[in-house]
Amino acid sequence: MAQPRLELEKLAGSDGDRLILGLKGPLSVETVPNFIQTVRPERAAHLILEMSGVSFLDSAGVGALVQLFVHRRNKGQTFALAGLTHQGSAIIQVAGLRKLFPTYASSEEALASGNH
């Protein structure tokens, strides 16, 4: 059986201070190590993760998002989630992270907020 893959793609709207990453595939225990290794070093002051392509989000994925949020906050950088699927939104809600993570319906809405 093939190992699940999470694809990351730089999306339109990204510039020097702002990075919008589109995620496609599962953000799960199998894909978290590569996700953290790829995204954590990003230096953009503002990071928006476009989550509409995330097919599955488990507790390891949520833990990775928390780790990334804390890492970026400690460096004075922002972090937001956009386009959460119904499953992803429910998990963020149940985990009590709705107040921690800025969430938006789309990356366009996140950009329009002026906070990212």
PDB file of N, CA and C in Angstrom:
ATOM      1  N   MET A   1       0.841  -1.190   0.000  1.00  0.00           N
ATOM      2  CA  MET A   1       0.000   0.000   0.000  1.00  0.00           C
ATOM      3  C   MET A   1       0.882   1.249   0.000  1.00  0.00           C
ATOM      4  N   ALA A   2       0.545   2.197  -0.826  1.00  0.00           N
ATOM      5  CA  ALA A   2       1.338   3.423  -0.958  1.00  0.00           C
ATOM      6  C   ALA A   2       1.199   4.299   0.283  1.00  0.00           C
ATOM      7  N   GLN A   3       2.289   4.935   0.636  1.00  0.00           N
ATOM      8  CA  GLN A   3       2.312   5.863   1.769  1.00  0.00           C
ATOM      9  C   GLN A   3       1.525   7.123   1.396  1.00  0.00           C
ATOM     10  N   PRO A   4       0.648   7.610   2.281  1.00  0.00           N
ATOM     11  CA  PRO A   4      -0.084   8.849   1.984  1.00  0.00           C
ATOM     12  C   PRO A   4       0.881  10.017   1.786  1.00  0.00           C
ATOM     13  N   ARG A   5       0.506  10.937   0.902  1.00  0.00           N
ATOM     14  CA  ARG A   5       1.325  12.123   0.631  1.00  0.00           C
ATOM     15  C   ARG A   5       0.514  13.379   0.843  1.00  0.00           C
ATOM     16  N   LEU A   6       1.150  14.353   1.443  1.00  0.00           N
ATOM     17  CA  LEU A   6       0.577  15.684   1.569  1.00  0.00           C
ATOM     18  C   LEU A   6       1.376  16.588   0.642  1.00  0.00           C
ATOM     19  N   GLU A   7       0.699  17.172  -0.326  1.00  0.00           N
ATOM     20  CA  GLU A   7       1.360  18.082  -1.260  1.00  0.00           C
ATOM     21  C   GLU A   7       1.190  19.511  -0.767  1.00  0.00           C
ATOM     22  N   LEU A   8       2.253  20.301  -0.893  1.00  0.00           N
ATOM     23  CA  LEU A   8       2.240  21.714  -0.517  1.00  0.00           C
ATOM     24  C   LEU A   8       2.545  22.536  -1.757  1.00  0.00           C
ATOM     25  N   GLU A   9       1.760  23.584  -1.979  1.00  0.00           N
ATOM     26  CA  GLU A   9       1.945  24.422  -3.163  1.00  0.00           C
ATOM     27  C   GLU A   9       1.824  25.893  -2.774  1.00  0.00           C
ATOM     28  N   LYS A  10       2.799  26.688  -3.215  1.00  0.00           N
ATOM     29  CA  LYS A  10       2.735  28.136  -3.021  1.00  0.00           C
ATOM     30  C   LYS A  10       1.649  28.685  -3.934  1.00  0.00           C
ATOM     31  N   LEU A  11       0.706  29.439  -3.348  1.00  0.00           N
ATOM     32  CA  LEU A  11      -0.448  29.926  -4.105  1.00  0.00           C
ATOM     33  C   LEU A  11      -0.337  31.402  -4.441  1.00  0.00           C
ATOM     34  N   ALA A  12      -1.145  31.826  -5.403  1.00  0.00           N
ATOM     35  CA  ALA A  12      -1.219  33.234  -5.792  1.00  0.00           C
ATOM     36  C   ALA A  12      -1.577  34.073  -4.577  1.00  0.00           C
ATOM     37  N   GLY A  13      -1.012  35.259  -4.510  1.00  0.00           N
ATOM     38  CA  GLY A  13      -1.230  36.143  -3.370  1.00  0.00           C
ATOM     39  C   GLY A  13      -0.030  36.153  -2.446  1.00  0.00           C
ATOM     40  N   SER A  14       0.880  35.199  -2.640  1.00  0.00           N
ATOM     41  CA  SER A  14       2.108  35.161  -1.851  1.00  0.00           C
ATOM     42  C   SER A  14       3.037  36.261  -2.340  1.00  0.00           C
ATOM     43  N   ASP A  15       3.749  36.872  -1.406  1.00  0.00           N
ATOM     44  CA  ASP A  15       4.781  37.849  -1.751  1.00  0.00           C
ATOM     45  C   ASP A  15       5.890  37.738  -0.715  1.00  0.00           C
ATOM     46  N   GLY A  16       6.775  38.699  -0.639  1.00  0.00           N
ATOM     47  CA  GLY A  16       7.920  38.610   0.255  1.00  0.00           C
ATOM     48  C   GLY A  16       7.581  38.398   1.717  1.00  0.00           C
ATOM     49  N   ASP A  17       6.571  39.100   2.223  1.00  0.00           N
ATOM     50  CA  ASP A  17       6.198  39.010   3.634  1.00  0.00           C
ATOM     51  C   ASP A  17       5.074  38.030   3.901  1.00  0.00           C
ATOM     52  N   ARG A  18       4.453  37.552   2.854  1.00  0.00           N
ATOM     53  CA  ARG A  18       3.244  36.738   3.017  1.00  0.00           C
ATOM     54  C   ARG A  18       3.370  35.475   2.165  1.00  0.00           C
ATOM     55  N   LEU A  19       3.058  34.335   2.792  1.00  0.00           N
ATOM     56  CA  LEU A  19       3.104  33.063   2.084  1.00  0.00           C
ATOM     57  C   LEU A  19       1.767  32.361   2.260  1.00  0.00           C
ATOM     58  N   ILE A  20       1.174  31.982   1.141  1.00  0.00           N
ATOM     59  CA  ILE A  20      -0.056  31.192   1.160  1.00  0.00           C
ATOM     60  C   ILE A  20       0.306  29.817   0.623  1.00  0.00           C
ATOM     61  N   LEU A  21       0.149  28.811   1.474  1.00  0.00           N
ATOM     62  CA  LEU A  21       0.452  27.444   1.082  1.00  0.00           C
ATOM     63  C   LEU A  21      -0.835  26.649   0.954  1.00  0.00           C
ATOM     64  N   GLY A  22      -1.029  26.050  -0.195  1.00  0.00           N
ATOM     65  CA  GLY A  22      -2.158  25.155  -0.403  1.00  0.00           C
ATOM     66  C   GLY A  22      -1.752  23.744  -0.030  1.00  0.00           C
ATOM     67  N   LEU A  23      -2.544  23.089   0.797  1.00  0.00           N
ATOM     68  CA  LEU A  23      -2.288  21.719   1.210  1.00  0.00           C
ATOM     69  C   LEU A  23      -3.260  20.800   0.488  1.00  0.00           C
ATOM     70  N   LYS A  24      -2.759  19.663   0.026  1.00  0.00           N
ATOM     71  CA  LYS A  24      -3.611  18.694  -0.664  1.00  0.00           C
ATOM     72  C   LYS A  24      -3.229  17.292  -0.201  1.00  0.00           C
ATOM     73  N   GLY A  25      -4.204  16.601   0.395  1.00  0.00           N
ATOM     74  CA  GLY A  25      -3.974  15.255   0.912  1.00  0.00           C
ATOM     75  C   GLY A  25      -4.189  15.232   2.413  1.00  0.00           C
ATOM     76  N   PRO A  26      -3.833  14.130   3.068  1.00  0.00           N
ATOM     77  CA  PRO A  26      -4.054  14.015   4.506  1.00  0.00           C
ATOM     78  C   PRO A  26      -2.977  14.734   5.324  1.00  0.00           C
ATOM     79  N   LEU A  27      -3.392  15.416   6.375  1.00  0.00           N
ATOM     80  CA  LEU A  27      -2.453  15.953   7.366  1.00  0.00           C
ATOM     81  C   LEU A  27      -2.607  15.037   8.571  1.00  0.00           C
ATOM     82  N   SER A  28      -1.785  14.000   8.584  1.00  0.00           N
ATOM     83  CA  SER A  28      -1.963  12.905   9.537  1.00  0.00           C
ATOM     84  C   SER A  28      -0.607  12.414  10.026  1.00  0.00           C
ATOM     85  N   VAL A  29      -0.645  11.427  10.896  1.00  0.00           N
ATOM     86  CA  VAL A  29       0.576  10.905  11.498  1.00  0.00           C
ATOM     87  C   VAL A  29       1.615  10.522  10.439  1.00  0.00           C
ATOM     88  N   GLU A  30       1.171  10.061   9.285  1.00  0.00           N
ATOM     89  CA  GLU A  30       2.112   9.663   8.230  1.00  0.00           C
ATOM     90  C   GLU A  30       2.747  10.856   7.521  1.00  0.00           C
ATOM     91  N   THR A  31       2.067  11.981   7.468  1.00  0.00           N
ATOM     92  CA  THR A  31       2.559  13.116   6.681  1.00  0.00           C
ATOM     93  C   THR A  31       3.105  14.267   7.525  1.00  0.00           C
ATOM     94  N   VAL A  32       2.863  14.233   8.834  1.00  0.00           N
ATOM     95  CA  VAL A  32       3.277  15.339   9.703  1.00  0.00           C
ATOM     96  C   VAL A  32       4.784  15.591   9.683  1.00  0.00           C
ATOM     97  N   PRO A  33       5.651  14.570   9.772  1.00  0.00           N
ATOM     98  CA  PRO A  33       7.090  14.873   9.794  1.00  0.00           C
ATOM     99  C   PRO A  33       7.549  15.712   8.597  1.00  0.00           C
ATOM    100  N   ASN A  34       7.116  15.351   7.397  1.00  0.00           N
ATOM    101  CA  ASN A  34       7.500  16.113   6.213  1.00  0.00           C
ATOM    102  C   ASN A  34       6.874  17.508   6.228  1.00  0.00           C
ATOM    103  N   PHE A  35       5.617  17.602   6.681  1.00  0.00           N
ATOM    104  CA  PHE A  35       4.940  18.898   6.784  1.00  0.00           C
ATOM    105  C   PHE A  35       5.736  19.847   7.677  1.00  0.00           C
ATOM    106  N   ILE A  36       6.090  19.387   8.879  1.00  0.00           N
ATOM    107  CA  ILE A  36       6.841  20.228   9.822  1.00  0.00           C
ATOM    108  C   ILE A  36       8.202  20.595   9.239  1.00  0.00           C
ATOM    109  N   GLN A  37       8.895  19.626   8.677  1.00  0.00           N
ATOM    110  CA  GLN A  37      10.221  19.869   8.105  1.00  0.00           C
ATOM    111  C   GLN A  37      10.170  20.900   6.978  1.00  0.00           C
ATOM    112  N   THR A  38       9.102  20.898   6.216  1.00  0.00           N
ATOM    113  CA  THR A  38       8.967  21.810   5.085  1.00  0.00           C
ATOM    114  C   THR A  38       8.488  23.194   5.505  1.00  0.00           C
ATOM    115  N   VAL A  39       7.493  23.257   6.377  1.00  0.00           N
ATOM    116  CA  VAL A  39       6.831  24.532   6.674  1.00  0.00           C
ATOM    117  C   VAL A  39       7.505  25.306   7.803  1.00  0.00           C
ATOM    118  N   ARG A  40       8.040  24.628   8.787  1.00  0.00           N
ATOM    119  CA  ARG A  40       8.602  25.328   9.950  1.00  0.00           C
ATOM    120  C   ARG A  40       9.700  26.334   9.589  1.00  0.00           C
ATOM    121  N   PRO A  41      10.605  26.028   8.664  1.00  0.00           N
ATOM    122  CA  PRO A  41      11.666  26.990   8.341  1.00  0.00           C
ATOM    123  C   PRO A  41      11.208  28.225   7.558  1.00  0.00           C
ATOM    124  N   GLU A  42       9.975  28.244   7.088  1.00  0.00           N
ATOM    125  CA  GLU A  42       9.503  29.380   6.288  1.00  0.00           C
ATOM    126  C   GLU A  42       9.673  30.683   7.061  1.00  0.00           C
ATOM    127  N   ARG A  43      10.198  31.701   6.374  1.00  0.00           N
ATOM    128  CA  ARG A  43      10.520  32.972   7.034  1.00  0.00           C
ATOM    129  C   ARG A  43       9.512  34.077   6.790  1.00  0.00           C
ATOM    130  N   ALA A  44       8.531  33.835   5.954  1.00  0.00           N
ATOM    131  CA  ALA A  44       7.531  34.875   5.675  1.00  0.00           C
ATOM    132  C   ALA A  44       6.884  35.322   6.983  1.00  0.00           C
ATOM    133  N   ALA A  45       6.672  36.626   7.118  1.00  0.00           N
ATOM    134  CA  ALA A  45       6.076  37.164   8.344  1.00  0.00           C
ATOM    135  C   ALA A  45       4.650  36.668   8.551  1.00  0.00           C
ATOM    136  N   HIS A  46       3.953  36.407   7.459  1.00  0.00           N
ATOM    137  CA  HIS A  46       2.546  35.992   7.529  1.00  0.00           C
ATOM    138  C   HIS A  46       2.370  34.695   6.742  1.00  0.00           C
ATOM    139  N   LEU A  47       1.818  33.682   7.392  1.00  0.00           N
ATOM    140  CA  LEU A  47       1.590  32.387   6.754  1.00  0.00           C
ATOM    141  C   LEU A  47       0.103  32.054   6.801  1.00  0.00           C
ATOM    142  N   ILE A  48      -0.446  31.752   5.639  1.00  0.00           N
ATOM    143  CA  ILE A  48      -1.832  31.287   5.540  1.00  0.00           C
ATOM    144  C   ILE A  48      -1.785  29.879   4.958  1.00  0.00           C
ATOM    145  N   LEU A  49      -2.372  28.937   5.678  1.00  0.00           N
ATOM    146  CA  LEU A  49      -2.482  27.574   5.171  1.00  0.00           C
ATOM    147  C   LEU A  49      -3.872  27.394   4.581  1.00  0.00           C
ATOM    148  N   GLU A  50      -3.929  27.192   3.280  1.00  0.00           N
ATOM    149  CA  GLU A  50      -5.191  26.948   2.576  1.00  0.00           C
ATOM    150  C   GLU A  50      -5.481  25.457   2.708  1.00  0.00           C
ATOM    151  N   MET A  51      -6.476  25.124   3.547  1.00  0.00           N
ATOM    152  CA  MET A  51      -6.732  23.752   3.970  1.00  0.00           C
ATOM    153  C   MET A  51      -7.848  23.052   3.191  1.00  0.00           C
ATOM    154  N   SER A  52      -8.404  23.683   2.173  1.00  0.00           N
ATOM    155  CA  SER A  52      -9.557  23.087   1.475  1.00  0.00           C
ATOM    156  C   SER A  52      -9.225  21.763   0.798  1.00  0.00           C
ATOM    157  N   GLY A  53      -7.957  21.515   0.512  1.00  0.00           N
ATOM    158  CA  GLY A  53      -7.557  20.259  -0.117  1.00  0.00           C
ATOM    159  C   GLY A  53      -7.139  19.176   0.860  1.00  0.00           C
ATOM    160  N   VAL A  54      -7.255  19.454   2.167  1.00  0.00           N
ATOM    161  CA  VAL A  54      -6.875  18.456   3.173  1.00  0.00           C
ATOM    162  C   VAL A  54      -7.997  17.426   3.280  1.00  0.00           C
ATOM    163  N   SER A  55      -7.690  16.212   2.881  1.00  0.00           N
ATOM    164  CA  SER A  55      -8.700  15.150   2.836  1.00  0.00           C
ATOM    165  C   SER A  55      -8.958  14.511   4.191  1.00  0.00           C
ATOM    166  N   PHE A  56      -8.013  14.644   5.124  1.00  0.00           N
ATOM    167  CA  PHE A  56      -8.151  14.034   6.441  1.00  0.00           C
ATOM    168  C   PHE A  56      -7.233  14.768   7.406  1.00  0.00           C
ATOM    169  N   LEU A  57      -7.725  15.050   8.593  1.00  0.00           N
ATOM    170  CA  LEU A  57      -6.948  15.708   9.641  1.00  0.00           C
ATOM    171  C   LEU A  57      -7.112  14.889  10.906  1.00  0.00           C
ATOM    172  N   ASP A  58      -5.986  14.390  11.462  1.00  0.00           N
ATOM    173  CA  ASP A  58      -6.069  13.624  12.700  1.00  0.00           C
ATOM    174  C   ASP A  58      -5.369  14.376  13.828  1.00  0.00           C
ATOM    175  N   SER A  59      -5.269  13.738  14.997  1.00  0.00           N
ATOM    176  CA  SER A  59      -4.691  14.413  16.161  1.00  0.00           C
ATOM    177  C   SER A  59      -3.232  14.787  15.934  1.00  0.00           C
ATOM    178  N   ALA A  60      -2.494  13.987  15.179  1.00  0.00           N
ATOM    179  CA  ALA A  60      -1.106  14.333  14.867  1.00  0.00           C
ATOM    180  C   ALA A  60      -1.053  15.591  14.007  1.00  0.00           C
ATOM    181  N   GLY A  61      -1.978  15.709  13.066  1.00  0.00           N
ATOM    182  CA  GLY A  61      -2.053  16.909  12.236  1.00  0.00           C
ATOM    183  C   GLY A  61      -2.398  18.137  13.049  1.00  0.00           C
ATOM    184  N   VAL A  62      -3.341  17.990  13.971  1.00  0.00           N
ATOM    185  CA  VAL A  62      -3.706  19.105  14.855  1.00  0.00           C
ATOM    186  C   VAL A  62      -2.507  19.493  15.709  1.00  0.00           C
ATOM    187  N   GLY A  63      -1.803  18.502  16.240  1.00  0.00           N
ATOM    188  CA  GLY A  63      -0.602  18.781  17.034  1.00  0.00           C
ATOM    189  C   GLY A  63       0.446  19.533  16.234  1.00  0.00           C
ATOM    190  N   ALA A  64       0.603  19.176  14.968  1.00  0.00           N
ATOM    191  CA  ALA A  64       1.560  19.868  14.100  1.00  0.00           C
ATOM    192  C   ALA A  64       1.148  21.316  13.881  1.00  0.00           C
ATOM    193  N   LEU A  65      -0.153  21.564  13.725  1.00  0.00           N
ATOM    194  CA  LEU A  65      -0.636  22.937  13.559  1.00  0.00           C
ATOM    195  C   LEU A  65      -0.380  23.756  14.818  1.00  0.00           C
ATOM    196  N   VAL A  66      -0.600  23.161  15.990  1.00  0.00           N
ATOM    197  CA  VAL A  66      -0.326  23.858  17.256  1.00  0.00           C
ATOM    198  C   VAL A  66       1.160  24.161  17.364  1.00  0.00           C
ATOM    199  N   GLN A  67       1.999  23.178  17.067  1.00  0.00           N
ATOM    200  CA  GLN A  67       3.447  23.370  17.124  1.00  0.00           C
ATOM    201  C   GLN A  67       3.885  24.500  16.190  1.00  0.00           C
ATOM    202  N   LEU A  68       3.352  24.513  14.994  1.00  0.00           N
ATOM    203  CA  LEU A  68       3.692  25.550  14.023  1.00  0.00           C
ATOM    204  C   LEU A  68       3.211  26.920  14.493  1.00  0.00           C
ATOM    205  N   PHE A  69       1.996  26.977  15.024  1.00  0.00           N
ATOM    206  CA  PHE A  69       1.451  28.233  15.538  1.00  0.00           C
ATOM    207  C   PHE A  69       2.350  28.797  16.637  1.00  0.00           C
ATOM    208  N   VAL A  70       2.719  27.978  17.616  1.00  0.00           N
ATOM    209  CA  VAL A  70       3.550  28.429  18.738  1.00  0.00           C
ATOM    210  C   VAL A  70       4.925  28.867  18.239  1.00  0.00           C
ATOM    211  N   HIS A  71       5.525  28.083  17.356  1.00  0.00           N
ATOM    212  CA  HIS A  71       6.835  28.422  16.796  1.00  0.00           C
ATOM    213  C   HIS A  71       6.796  29.791  16.111  1.00  0.00           C
ATOM    214  N   ARG A  72       5.782  30.023  15.307  1.00  0.00           N
ATOM    215  CA  ARG A  72       5.678  31.287  14.577  1.00  0.00           C
ATOM    216  C   ARG A  72       5.366  32.448  15.519  1.00  0.00           C
ATOM    217  N   ARG A  73       4.486  32.233  16.478  1.00  0.00           N
ATOM    218  CA  ARG A  73       4.153  33.298  17.429  1.00  0.00           C
ATOM    219  C   ARG A  73       5.396  33.718  18.206  1.00  0.00           C
ATOM    220  N   ASN A  74       6.218  32.754  18.625  1.00  0.00           N
ATOM    221  CA  ASN A  74       7.439  33.062  19.366  1.00  0.00           C
ATOM    222  C   ASN A  74       8.439  33.853  18.530  1.00  0.00           C
ATOM    223  N   LYS A  75       8.328  33.781  17.219  1.00  0.00           N
ATOM    224  CA  LYS A  75       9.199  34.536  16.315  1.00  0.00           C
ATOM    225  C   LYS A  75       8.550  35.833  15.835  1.00  0.00           C
ATOM    226  N   GLY A  76       7.364  36.149  16.366  1.00  0.00           N
ATOM    227  CA  GLY A  76       6.666  37.367  15.960  1.00  0.00           C
ATOM    228  C   GLY A  76       6.018  37.259  14.592  1.00  0.00           C
ATOM    229  N   GLN A  77       5.742  36.045  14.149  1.00  0.00           N
ATOM    230  CA  GLN A  77       5.132  35.805  12.841  1.00  0.00           C
ATOM    231  C   GLN A  77       3.677  35.370  13.024  1.00  0.00           C
ATOM    232  N   THR A  78       2.848  35.636  12.014  1.00  0.00           N
ATOM    233  CA  THR A  78       1.437  35.255  12.110  1.00  0.00           C
ATOM    234  C   THR A  78       1.173  33.944  11.382  1.00  0.00           C
ATOM    235  N   PHE A  79       0.014  33.393  11.692  1.00  0.00           N
ATOM    236  CA  PHE A  79      -0.396  32.092  11.180  1.00  0.00           C
ATOM    237  C   PHE A  79      -1.911  32.076  11.110  1.00  0.00           C
ATOM    238  N   ALA A  80      -2.461  31.589  10.018  1.00  0.00           N
ATOM    239  CA  ALA A  80      -3.917  31.479   9.898  1.00  0.00           C
ATOM    240  C   ALA A  80      -4.264  30.256   9.063  1.00  0.00           C
ATOM    241  N   LEU A  81      -5.467  29.741   9.304  1.00  0.00           N
ATOM    242  CA  LEU A  81      -6.005  28.634   8.521  1.00  0.00           C
ATOM    243  C   LEU A  81      -7.132  29.160   7.653  1.00  0.00           C
ATOM    244  N   ALA A  82      -7.201  28.685   6.427  1.00  0.00           N
ATOM    245  CA  ALA A  82      -8.262  29.108   5.513  1.00  0.00           C
ATOM    246  C   ALA A  82      -8.842  27.886   4.816  1.00  0.00           C
ATOM    247  N   GLY A  83     -10.138  27.947   4.531  1.00  0.00           N
ATOM    248  CA  GLY A  83     -10.782  26.916   3.739  1.00  0.00           C
ATOM    249  C   GLY A  83     -10.859  25.551   4.396  1.00  0.00           C
ATOM    250  N   LEU A  84     -10.999  25.513   5.712  1.00  0.00           N
ATOM    251  CA  LEU A  84     -11.112  24.219   6.388  1.00  0.00           C
ATOM    252  C   LEU A  84     -12.305  23.424   5.860  1.00  0.00           C
ATOM    253  N   THR A  85     -12.112  22.136   5.677  1.00  0.00           N
ATOM    254  CA  THR A  85     -13.222  21.258   5.315  1.00  0.00           C
ATOM    255  C   THR A  85     -14.130  21.105   6.532  1.00  0.00           C
ATOM    256  N   HIS A  86     -15.282  20.507   6.335  1.00  0.00           N
ATOM    257  CA  HIS A  86     -16.202  20.266   7.453  1.00  0.00           C
ATOM    258  C   HIS A  86     -15.516  19.429   8.537  1.00  0.00           C
ATOM    259  N   GLN A  87     -14.812  18.375   8.134  1.00  0.00           N
ATOM    260  CA  GLN A  87     -14.121  17.505   9.086  1.00  0.00           C
ATOM    261  C   GLN A  87     -13.022  18.267   9.818  1.00  0.00           C
ATOM    262  N   GLY A  88     -12.234  19.035   9.081  1.00  0.00           N
ATOM    263  CA  GLY A  88     -11.163  19.813   9.699  1.00  0.00           C
ATOM    264  C   GLY A  88     -11.694  20.853  10.660  1.00  0.00           C
ATOM    265  N   SER A  89     -12.748  21.534  10.262  1.00  0.00           N
ATOM    266  CA  SER A  89     -13.367  22.546  11.117  1.00  0.00           C
ATOM    267  C   SER A  89     -13.908  21.921  12.397  1.00  0.00           C
ATOM    268  N   ALA A  90     -14.540  20.761  12.278  1.00  0.00           N
ATOM    269  CA  ALA A  90     -15.090  20.077  13.452  1.00  0.00           C
ATOM    270  C   ALA A  90     -13.983  19.671  14.416  1.00  0.00           C
ATOM    271  N   ILE A  91     -12.872  19.182  13.899  1.00  0.00           N
ATOM    272  CA  ILE A  91     -11.762  18.770  14.765  1.00  0.00           C
ATOM    273  C   ILE A  91     -11.152  19.972  15.474  1.00  0.00           C
ATOM    274  N   ILE A  92     -10.960  21.075  14.759  1.00  0.00           N
ATOM    275  CA  ILE A  92     -10.424  22.290  15.378  1.00  0.00           C
ATOM    276  C   ILE A  92     -11.377  22.768  16.475  1.00  0.00           C
ATOM    277  N   GLN A  93     -12.673  22.699  16.221  1.00  0.00           N
ATOM    278  CA  GLN A  93     -13.684  23.111  17.204  1.00  0.00           C
ATOM    279  C   GLN A  93     -13.650  22.210  18.434  1.00  0.00           C
ATOM    280  N   VAL A  94     -13.679  20.894  18.235  1.00  0.00           N
ATOM    281  CA  VAL A  94     -13.693  19.936  19.346  1.00  0.00           C
ATOM    282  C   VAL A  94     -12.417  20.042  20.178  1.00  0.00           C
ATOM    283  N   ALA A  95     -11.294  20.310  19.527  1.00  0.00           N
ATOM    284  CA  ALA A  95     -10.020  20.442  20.234  1.00  0.00           C
ATOM    285  C   ALA A  95      -9.918  21.765  20.995  1.00  0.00           C
ATOM    286  N   GLY A  96     -10.892  22.644  20.821  1.00  0.00           N
ATOM    287  CA  GLY A  96     -10.884  23.925  21.523  1.00  0.00           C
ATOM    288  C   GLY A  96      -9.886  24.920  20.960  1.00  0.00           C
ATOM    289  N   LEU A  97      -9.553  24.774  19.692  1.00  0.00           N
ATOM    290  CA  LEU A  97      -8.522  25.620  19.089  1.00  0.00           C
ATOM    291  C   LEU A  97      -9.079  26.759  18.251  1.00  0.00           C
ATOM    292  N   ARG A  98     -10.379  26.891  18.196  1.00  0.00           N
ATOM    293  CA  ARG A  98     -11.002  27.941  17.383  1.00  0.00           C
ATOM    294  C   ARG A  98     -10.525  29.327  17.829  1.00  0.00           C
ATOM    295  N   LYS A  99     -10.319  29.506  19.133  1.00  0.00           N
ATOM    296  CA  LYS A  99      -9.865  30.810  19.639  1.00  0.00           C
ATOM    297  C   LYS A  99      -8.367  31.016  19.438  1.00  0.00           C
ATOM    298  N   LEU A 100      -7.621  29.928  19.324  1.00  0.00           N
ATOM    299  CA  LEU A 100      -6.175  30.028  19.147  1.00  0.00           C
ATOM    300  C   LEU A 100      -5.810  30.351  17.701  1.00  0.00           C
ATOM    301  N   PHE A 101      -6.398  29.611  16.770  1.00  0.00           N
ATOM    302  CA  PHE A 101      -6.079  29.775  15.357  1.00  0.00           C
ATOM    303  C   PHE A 101      -7.033  30.752  14.694  1.00  0.00           C
ATOM    304  N   PRO A 102      -6.518  31.806  14.077  1.00  0.00           N
ATOM    305  CA  PRO A 102      -7.391  32.598  13.209  1.00  0.00           C
ATOM    306  C   PRO A 102      -7.821  31.707  12.041  1.00  0.00           C
ATOM    307  N   THR A 103      -9.118  31.627  11.788  1.00  0.00           N
ATOM    308  CA  THR A 103      -9.621  30.803  10.688  1.00  0.00           C
ATOM    309  C   THR A 103     -10.501  31.651   9.776  1.00  0.00           C
ATOM    310  N   TYR A 104     -10.408  31.367   8.494  1.00  0.00           N
ATOM    311  CA  TYR A 104     -11.149  32.109   7.481  1.00  0.00           C
ATOM    312  C   TYR A 104     -11.760  31.129   6.493  1.00  0.00           C
ATOM    313  N   ALA A 105     -12.829  31.539   5.850  1.00  0.00           N
ATOM    314  CA  ALA A 105     -13.499  30.691   4.865  1.00  0.00           C
ATOM    315  C   ALA A 105     -12.609  30.431   3.651  1.00  0.00           C
ATOM    316  N   SER A 106     -11.732  31.392   3.328  1.00  0.00           N
ATOM    317  CA  SER A 106     -10.847  31.256   2.165  1.00  0.00           C
ATOM    318  C   SER A 106      -9.576  32.061   2.398  1.00  0.00           C
ATOM    319  N   SER A 107      -8.563  31.806   1.584  1.00  0.00           N
ATOM    320  CA  SER A 107      -7.329  32.584   1.693  1.00  0.00           C
ATOM    321  C   SER A 107      -7.584  34.034   1.290  1.00  0.00           C
ATOM    322  N   GLU A 108      -8.520  34.258   0.365  1.00  0.00           N
ATOM    323  CA  GLU A 108      -8.872  35.625  -0.031  1.00  0.00           C
ATOM    324  C   GLU A 108      -9.444  36.399   1.161  1.00  0.00           C
ATOM    325  N   GLU A 109     -10.291  35.730   1.946  1.00  0.00           N
ATOM    326  CA  GLU A 109     -10.854  36.364   3.138  1.00  0.00           C
ATOM    327  C   GLU A 109      -9.755  36.659   4.160  1.00  0.00           C
ATOM    328  N   ALA A 110      -8.808  35.747   4.305  1.00  0.00           N
ATOM    329  CA  ALA A 110      -7.689  35.966   5.227  1.00  0.00           C
ATOM    330  C   ALA A 110      -6.871  37.180   4.794  1.00  0.00           C
ATOM    331  N   LEU A 111      -6.606  37.296   3.496  1.00  0.00           N
ATOM    332  CA  LEU A 111      -5.857  38.443   2.982  1.00  0.00           C
ATOM    333  C   LEU A 111      -6.629  39.742   3.191  1.00  0.00           C
ATOM    334  N   ALA A 112      -7.934  39.704   2.948  1.00  0.00           N
ATOM    335  CA  ALA A 112      -8.768  40.901   3.085  1.00  0.00           C
ATOM    336  C   ALA A 112      -8.881  41.364   4.532  1.00  0.00           C
ATOM    337  N   SER A 113      -8.646  40.464   5.485  1.00  0.00           N
ATOM    338  CA  SER A 113      -8.746  40.836   6.902  1.00  0.00           C
ATOM    339  C   SER A 113      -7.672  41.842   7.293  1.00  0.00           C
ATOM    340  N   GLY A 114      -6.581  41.886   6.525  1.00  0.00           N
ATOM    341  CA  GLY A 114      -5.499  42.807   6.828  1.00  0.00           C
ATOM    342  C   GLY A 114      -4.574  42.317   7.925  1.00  0.00           C
ATOM    343  N   ASN A 115      -4.859  41.163   8.505  1.00  0.00           N
ATOM    344  CA  ASN A 115      -4.028  40.623   9.581  1.00  0.00           C
ATOM    345  C   ASN A 115      -2.970  39.662   9.071  1.00  0.00           C
ATOM    346  N   HIS A 116      -3.024  39.343   7.772  1.00  0.00           N
ATOM    347  CA  HIS A 116      -2.104  38.326   7.250  1.00  0.00           C
ATOM    348  C   HIS A 116      -1.549  38.776   5.935  1.00  0.00           C
TER     349      HIS A 116
END
